[in-house]
């Protein structure tokens, strides 16, 4: 019973976990609603070219991400 509760708790917490855009791969980033494979790849490419993101708002520098999309995904991403 304890194992089941632990697994359920883990699943619930993982649903609310934010994606760190400085460490996540394109597959993990594309799991965010509103970000498909191409935008996720663009985020990874930007990070590889320019270094780690200093804050979430820096996503506005990535091609294909505008203010409206950023507001939609802001609660699901983080920078560590």
Foldseek 3Di string as FASTA:
>chain_A
DVVVVVVVVVVVVVVQAAAALQPDALVVVCVQPPRHSVLSVQSVVCCVVPNFDPWLVCSCVGPPDHPVSSVVCVSRHTHD
